Amino acid sequence: EETLARLEKLNADDPGFDDELATLMAEIRHHIEDEEGQMFAHMRQVIDEDELRKLGERVEAFKKVAPTHPHPNVPNTAAARTAAGPAASLFDRLRDLATSRGTGD
């Protein structure tokens, strides 16, 4: 998150942009490896297939209403995130549509 915040403050022609982008990509790859290599394998061992399918459906449903960008000014409490989530999601999706951000997902 810190790398992303620093990257968002830089212009693409800033000398540090490429280094920050490379750091972010390395962090994302590491996160994906952890999920795919350890967490998902463990979940397959301890959760039955039906429950995993239901869990996956819940995750997909949540992704449709979750904000698409960080909102650092929202207090980091469950109640605040729950209250702000739908409005932030709508705002993010309108902004993404207007700027064509995230169209490659």
Protein backbone atom coordinates (compact mmCIF):
# COMPACT_ATOMS: atom_id res chain seq x y z
CA GLU A 1 0.00 0.00 0.00
CA GLU A 2 2.84 2.39 0.80
CA THR A 3 4.47 1.73 -2.57
CA LEU A 4 1.17 2.34 -4.36
CA ALA A 5 0.67 5.61 -2.48
CA ARG A 6 4.16 6.79 -3.44
CA LEU A 7 3.61 5.72 -7.05
CA GLU A 8 0.32 7.59 -7.32
CA LYS A 9 2.10 10.81 -6.32
CA LEU A 10 4.63 10.53 -9.18
CA ASN A 11 4.25 11.49 -12.82
CA ALA A 12 5.16 8.82 -15.36
CA ASP A 13 8.16 10.88 -16.44
CA ASP A 14 9.52 11.21 -12.88
CA PRO A 15 12.94 9.52 -12.52
CA GLY A 16 11.71 7.39 -9.58
CA PHE A 17 8.53 6.21 -11.29
CA ASP A 18 10.05 3.11 -12.92
CA ASP A 19 11.70 2.01 -9.66
CA GLU A 20 8.47 2.44 -7.69
CA LEU A 21 6.52 0.59 -10.37
CA ALA A 22 9.03 -2.29 -10.31
CA THR A 23 8.76 -2.45 -6.50
CA LEU A 24 4.98 -2.52 -6.68
CA MET A 25 5.00 -5.29 -9.28
CA ALA A 26 7.40 -7.36 -7.15
CA GLU A 27 5.12 -6.91 -4.11
CA ILE A 28 2.06 -7.94 -6.12
CA ARG A 29 3.83 -11.02 -7.51
CA HIS A 30 4.92 -12.02 -4.01
CA HIS A 31 1.36 -11.60 -2.72
CA ILE A 32 -0.03 -13.73 -5.56
CA GLU A 33 2.56 -16.45 -4.94
CA ASP A 34 1.61 -16.53 -1.26
CA GLU A 35 -2.08 -16.86 -2.11
CA GLU A 36 -1.70 -19.46 -4.82
CA GLY A 37 1.13 -21.44 -3.26
CA GLN A 38 0.21 -21.55 0.42
CA MET A 39 -3.13 -20.07 1.37
CA PHE A 40 -5.23 -21.65 -1.40
CA ALA A 41 -3.56 -25.04 -0.95
CA HIS A 42 -4.27 -24.93 2.78
CA MET A 43 -7.88 -23.88 2.18
CA ARG A 44 -8.39 -26.84 -0.17
CA GLN A 45 -7.23 -29.16 2.62
CA VAL A 46 -9.43 -27.79 5.40
CA ILE A 47 -12.58 -26.60 3.58
CA ASP A 48 -14.85 -28.86 1.55
CA GLU A 49 -15.46 -28.16 -2.14
CA ASP A 50 -19.05 -26.96 -1.70
CA GLU A 51 -18.04 -24.40 0.93
CA LEU A 52 -15.11 -23.21 -1.23
CA ARG A 53 -17.49 -22.67 -4.13
CA LYS A 54 -19.85 -20.63 -1.91
CA LEU A 55 -16.92 -18.62 -0.59
CA GLY A 56 -15.75 -17.90 -4.14
CA GLU A 57 -19.25 -16.70 -5.08
CA ARG A 58 -19.27 -14.34 -2.08
CA VAL A 59 -15.88 -12.94 -3.04
CA GLU A 60 -17.06 -12.32 -6.62
CA ALA A 61 -20.23 -10.59 -5.37
CA PHE A 62 -18.20 -8.39 -3.01
CA LYS A 63 -15.77 -7.40 -5.78
CA LYS A 64 -18.71 -5.94 -7.72
CA VAL A 65 -19.48 -3.43 -4.94
CA ALA A 66 -16.02 -2.89 -3.41
CA PRO A 67 -14.10 0.35 -4.00
CA THR A 68 -11.56 0.06 -6.81
CA HIS A 69 -9.00 2.46 -5.28
CA PRO A 70 -7.61 3.09 -1.80
CA HIS A 71 -9.40 5.70 0.29
CA PRO A 72 -6.83 6.73 2.92
CA ASN A 73 -9.07 9.41 4.46
CA VAL A 74 -11.67 6.86 5.56
CA PRO A 75 -10.98 5.84 9.18
CA ASN A 76 -9.56 2.33 9.43
CA THR A 77 -12.46 0.86 11.39
CA ALA A 78 -14.91 -1.79 10.26
CA ALA A 79 -17.92 0.50 10.74
CA ALA A 80 -16.39 3.38 8.76
CA ARG A 81 -15.25 1.11 5.90
CA THR A 82 -18.66 -0.57 5.76
CA ALA A 83 -20.46 2.78 5.71
CA ALA A 84 -18.15 4.37 3.14
CA GLY A 85 -17.76 1.30 0.91
CA PRO A 86 -20.83 1.60 -1.32
CA ALA A 87 -20.39 5.33 -1.90
CA ALA A 88 -16.66 4.92 -2.53
CA SER A 89 -17.36 2.05 -4.92
CA LEU A 90 -19.85 4.11 -6.92
CA PHE A 91 -17.51 7.11 -7.02
CA ASP A 92 -14.55 4.92 -8.04
CA ARG A 93 -16.48 3.19 -10.80
CA LEU A 94 -17.74 6.49 -12.22
CA ARG A 95 -14.21 7.90 -12.10
CA ASP A 96 -12.83 4.73 -13.71
CA LEU A 97 -15.43 4.98 -16.46
CA ALA A 98 -14.67 8.65 -17.09
CA THR A 99 -10.92 8.09 -17.19
CA SER A 100 -10.90 4.58 -18.74
CA ARG A 101 -8.94 3.32 -15.71
CA GLY A 102 -9.22 -0.37 -15.04
CA THR A 103 -10.67 -1.23 -18.42
CA GLY A 104 -8.05 -3.96 -18.87
CA ASP A 105 -9.43 -6.03 -15.93
